[in-house]
Amino acid sequence: MFRKSGFSIAMGNSSDDVKAQASEVTDSDENEGFAKALRRFVLCQAVA
């Protein structure tokens, strides 16, 4: 699925195999990784 998407984000608490295949790694789900990824990779591009 990561290869098909072209850009992929893994959560920080994912396995090392998943993180190695992802384009970027964000914080863990316990530390608001999803929200941080949205702000960094989605919202910042909408503003630019």
PDB file of N, CA and C in Angstrom:
ATOM      1  N   MET A   1       0.831  -1.185   0.000  1.00  0.00           N
ATOM      2  CA  MET A   1       0.000   0.000   0.000  1.00  0.00           C
ATOM      3  C   MET A   1       0.879   1.254   0.000  1.00  0.00           C
ATOM      4  N   PHE A   2       1.960   1.252   0.770  1.00  0.00           N
ATOM      5  CA  PHE A   2       2.849   2.416   0.796  1.00  0.00           C
ATOM      6  C   PHE A   2       3.410   2.691  -0.594  1.00  0.00           C
ATOM      7  N   ARG A   3       3.822   1.665  -1.308  1.00  0.00           N
ATOM      8  CA  ARG A   3       4.400   1.852  -2.641  1.00  0.00           C
ATOM      9  C   ARG A   3       3.382   2.440  -3.611  1.00  0.00           C
ATOM     10  N   LYS A   4       2.132   2.024  -3.506  1.00  0.00           N
ATOM     11  CA  LYS A   4       1.081   2.510  -4.403  1.00  0.00           C
ATOM     12  C   LYS A   4       0.744   3.974  -4.150  1.00  0.00           C
ATOM     13  N   SER A   5       0.832   4.413  -2.892  1.00  0.00           N
ATOM     14  CA  SER A   5       0.401   5.763  -2.548  1.00  0.00           C
ATOM     15  C   SER A   5       1.374   6.843  -3.036  1.00  0.00           C
ATOM     16  N   GLY A   6       2.624   6.505  -3.167  1.00  0.00           N
ATOM     17  CA  GLY A   6       3.622   7.490  -3.581  1.00  0.00           C
ATOM     18  C   GLY A   6       4.208   8.258  -2.413  1.00  0.00           C
ATOM     19  N   PHE A   7       3.428   8.529  -1.394  1.00  0.00           N
ATOM     20  CA  PHE A   7       3.897   9.198  -0.177  1.00  0.00           C
ATOM     21  C   PHE A   7       3.197   8.546   0.997  1.00  0.00           C
ATOM     22  N   SER A   8       3.970   8.108   1.974  1.00  0.00           N
ATOM     23  CA  SER A   8       3.382   7.387   3.101  1.00  0.00           C
ATOM     24  C   SER A   8       3.959   7.886   4.413  1.00  0.00           C
ATOM     25  N   ILE A   9       3.133   7.835   5.437  1.00  0.00           N
ATOM     26  CA  ILE A   9       3.534   8.280   6.766  1.00  0.00           C
ATOM     27  C   ILE A   9       3.263   7.152   7.749  1.00  0.00           C
ATOM     28  N   ALA A  10       4.283   6.754   8.487  1.00  0.00           N
ATOM     29  CA  ALA A  10       4.130   5.720   9.507  1.00  0.00           C
ATOM     30  C   ALA A  10       4.084   6.375  10.882  1.00  0.00           C
ATOM     31  N   MET A  11       3.306   5.800  11.760  1.00  0.00           N
ATOM     32  CA  MET A  11       3.263   6.267  13.143  1.00  0.00           C
ATOM     33  C   MET A  11       4.559   5.871  13.840  1.00  0.00           C
ATOM     34  N   GLY A  12       4.983   6.671  14.784  1.00  0.00           N
ATOM     35  CA  GLY A  12       6.232   6.422  15.487  1.00  0.00           C
ATOM     36  C   GLY A  12       6.280   5.116  16.245  1.00  0.00           C
ATOM     37  N   ASN A  13       5.134   4.593  16.618  1.00  0.00           N
ATOM     38  CA  ASN A  13       5.111   3.324  17.348  1.00  0.00           C
ATOM     39  C   ASN A  13       4.866   2.129  16.421  1.00  0.00           C
ATOM     40  N   SER A  14       4.985   2.348  15.110  1.00  0.00           N
ATOM     41  CA  SER A  14       4.888   1.242  14.152  1.00  0.00           C
ATOM     42  C   SER A  14       6.128   0.359  14.263  1.00  0.00           C
ATOM     43  N   SER A  15       6.035  -0.813  13.651  1.00  0.00           N
ATOM     44  CA  SER A  15       7.203  -1.709  13.662  1.00  0.00           C
ATOM     45  C   SER A  15       8.318  -1.084  12.818  1.00  0.00           C
ATOM     46  N   ASP A  16       9.530  -1.512  13.051  1.00  0.00           N
ATOM     47  CA  ASP A  16      10.668  -0.997  12.300  1.00  0.00           C
ATOM     48  C   ASP A  16      10.525  -1.289  10.807  1.00  0.00           C
ATOM     49  N   ASP A  17       9.930  -2.419  10.449  1.00  0.00           N
ATOM     50  CA  ASP A  17       9.710  -2.748   9.040  1.00  0.00           C
ATOM     51  C   ASP A  17       8.788  -1.733   8.374  1.00  0.00           C
ATOM     52  N   VAL A  18       7.713  -1.366   9.056  1.00  0.00           N
ATOM     53  CA  VAL A  18       6.766  -0.388   8.504  1.00  0.00           C
ATOM     54  C   VAL A  18       7.447   0.968   8.379  1.00  0.00           C
ATOM     55  N   LYS A  19       8.146   1.385   9.406  1.00  0.00           N
ATOM     56  CA  LYS A  19       8.817   2.694   9.367  1.00  0.00           C
ATOM     57  C   LYS A  19       9.862   2.750   8.266  1.00  0.00           C
ATOM     58  N   ALA A  20      10.547   1.649   8.015  1.00  0.00           N
ATOM     59  CA  ALA A  20      11.574   1.622   6.973  1.00  0.00           C
ATOM     60  C   ALA A  20      10.976   1.788   5.587  1.00  0.00           C
ATOM     61  N   GLN A  21       9.744   1.371   5.390  1.00  0.00           N
ATOM     62  CA  GLN A  21       9.098   1.462   4.083  1.00  0.00           C
ATOM     63  C   GLN A  21       8.358   2.785   3.872  1.00  0.00           C
ATOM     64  N   ALA A  22       8.142   3.538   4.932  1.00  0.00           N
ATOM     65  CA  ALA A  22       7.389   4.789   4.839  1.00  0.00           C
ATOM     66  C   ALA A  22       8.257   5.925   4.320  1.00  0.00           C
ATOM     67  N   SER A  23       7.614   6.891   3.679  1.00  0.00           N
ATOM     68  CA  SER A  23       8.325   8.089   3.221  1.00  0.00           C
ATOM     69  C   SER A  23       8.749   8.950   4.410  1.00  0.00           C
ATOM     70  N   GLU A  24       7.893   9.032   5.415  1.00  0.00           N
ATOM     71  CA  GLU A  24       8.145   9.826   6.618  1.00  0.00           C
ATOM     72  C   GLU A  24       7.621   9.068   7.829  1.00  0.00           C
ATOM     73  N   VAL A  25       8.134   9.413   8.995  1.00  0.00           N
ATOM     74  CA  VAL A  25       7.664   8.832  10.254  1.00  0.00           C
ATOM     75  C   VAL A  25       7.269   9.982  11.165  1.00  0.00           C
ATOM     76  N   THR A  26       6.092   9.880  11.748  1.00  0.00           N
ATOM     77  CA  THR A  26       5.619  10.906  12.662  1.00  0.00           C
ATOM     78  C   THR A  26       5.696  10.368  14.087  1.00  0.00           C
ATOM     79  N   ASP A  27       5.210  11.123  15.029  1.00  0.00           N
ATOM     80  CA  ASP A  27       5.218  10.718  16.437  1.00  0.00           C
ATOM     81  C   ASP A  27       4.255   9.549  16.649  1.00  0.00           C
ATOM     82  N   SER A  28       4.272   8.980  17.823  1.00  0.00           N
ATOM     83  CA  SER A  28       3.382   7.860  18.139  1.00  0.00           C
ATOM     84  C   SER A  28       1.939   8.336  18.264  1.00  0.00           C
ATOM     85  N   ASP A  29       1.020   7.392  18.236  1.00  0.00           N
ATOM     86  CA  ASP A  29      -0.392   7.767  18.383  1.00  0.00           C
ATOM     87  C   ASP A  29      -0.664   8.337  19.771  1.00  0.00           C
ATOM     88  N   GLU A  30       0.101   7.911  20.765  1.00  0.00           N
ATOM     89  CA  GLU A  30      -0.087   8.451  22.119  1.00  0.00           C
ATOM     90  C   GLU A  30       0.360   9.911  22.222  1.00  0.00           C
ATOM     91  N   ASN A  31       1.223  10.337  21.305  1.00  0.00           N
ATOM     92  CA  ASN A  31       1.748  11.703  21.310  1.00  0.00           C
ATOM     93  C   ASN A  31       1.218  12.530  20.136  1.00  0.00           C
ATOM     94  N   GLU A  32      -0.031  12.255  19.741  1.00  0.00           N
ATOM     95  CA  GLU A  32      -0.716  13.023  18.699  1.00  0.00           C
ATOM     96  C   GLU A  32      -0.006  12.986  17.346  1.00  0.00           C
ATOM     97  N   GLY A  33       0.558  11.820  17.012  1.00  0.00           N
ATOM     98  CA  GLY A  33       1.274  11.674  15.748  1.00  0.00           C
ATOM     99  C   GLY A  33       0.429  11.967  14.530  1.00  0.00           C
ATOM    100  N   PHE A  34      -0.832  11.554  14.551  1.00  0.00           N
ATOM    101  CA  PHE A  34      -1.709  11.811  13.401  1.00  0.00           C
ATOM    102  C   PHE A  34      -1.905  13.308  13.208  1.00  0.00           C
ATOM    103  N   ALA A  35      -2.202  14.020  14.272  1.00  0.00           N
ATOM    104  CA  ALA A  35      -2.399  15.473  14.189  1.00  0.00           C
ATOM    105  C   ALA A  35      -1.117  16.174  13.753  1.00  0.00           C
ATOM    106  N   LYS A  36       0.014  15.729  14.265  1.00  0.00           N
ATOM    107  CA  LYS A  36       1.290  16.335  13.881  1.00  0.00           C
ATOM    108  C   LYS A  36       1.574  16.119  12.398  1.00  0.00           C
ATOM    109  N   ALA A  37       1.265  14.935  11.902  1.00  0.00           N
ATOM    110  CA  ALA A  37       1.483  14.644  10.485  1.00  0.00           C
ATOM    111  C   ALA A  37       0.564  15.498   9.616  1.00  0.00           C
ATOM    112  N   LEU A  38      -0.679  15.651  10.021  1.00  0.00           N
ATOM    113  CA  LEU A  38      -1.600  16.500   9.260  1.00  0.00           C
ATOM    114  C   LEU A  38      -1.082  17.933   9.185  1.00  0.00           C
ATOM    115  N   ARG A  39      -0.658  18.461  10.324  1.00  0.00           N
ATOM    116  CA  ARG A  39      -0.144  19.837  10.340  1.00  0.00           C
ATOM    117  C   ARG A  39       1.103  19.977   9.468  1.00  0.00           C
ATOM    118  N   ARG A  40       1.995  19.003   9.557  1.00  0.00           N
ATOM    119  CA  ARG A  40       3.268  19.112   8.843  1.00  0.00           C
ATOM    120  C   ARG A  40       3.143  18.842   7.350  1.00  0.00           C
ATOM    121  N   PHE A  41       2.405  17.815   6.965  1.00  0.00           N
ATOM    122  CA  PHE A  41       2.420  17.375   5.578  1.00  0.00           C
ATOM    123  C   PHE A  41       1.182  17.759   4.769  1.00  0.00           C
ATOM    124  N   VAL A  42       0.098  18.123   5.420  1.00  0.00           N
ATOM    125  CA  VAL A  42      -1.121  18.458   4.691  1.00  0.00           C
ATOM    126  C   VAL A  42      -1.440  19.946   4.819  1.00  0.00           C
ATOM    127  N   LEU A  43      -1.562  20.437   6.020  1.00  0.00           N
ATOM    128  CA  LEU A  43      -1.964  21.823   6.215  1.00  0.00           C
ATOM    129  C   LEU A  43      -0.913  22.808   5.757  1.00  0.00           C
ATOM    130  N   CYS A  44       0.360  22.497   5.962  1.00  0.00           N
ATOM    131  CA  CYS A  44       1.407  23.433   5.536  1.00  0.00           C
ATOM    132  C   CYS A  44       1.394  23.591   4.032  1.00  0.00           C
ATOM    133  N   GLN A  45       1.032  22.558   3.285  1.00  0.00           N
ATOM    134  CA  GLN A  45       0.977  22.636   1.825  1.00  0.00           C
ATOM    135  C   GLN A  45      -0.248  23.416   1.375  1.00  0.00           C
ATOM    136  N   ALA A  46      -1.317  23.369   2.161  1.00  0.00           N
ATOM    137  CA  ALA A  46      -2.530  24.112   1.811  1.00  0.00           C
ATOM    138  C   ALA A  46      -2.301  25.615   1.951  1.00  0.00           C
ATOM    139  N   VAL A  47      -1.449  26.011   2.867  1.00  0.00           N
ATOM    140  CA  VAL A  47      -1.168  27.426   3.100  1.00  0.00           C
ATOM    141  C   VAL A  47      -0.234  27.977   2.038  1.00  0.00           C
ATOM    142  N   ALA A  48       0.684  27.159   1.576  1.00  0.00           N
ATOM    143  CA  ALA A  48       1.713  27.624   0.616  1.00  0.00           C
ATOM    144  C   ALA A  48       1.159  27.979  -0.725  1.00  0.00           C
TER     145      ALA A  48
END
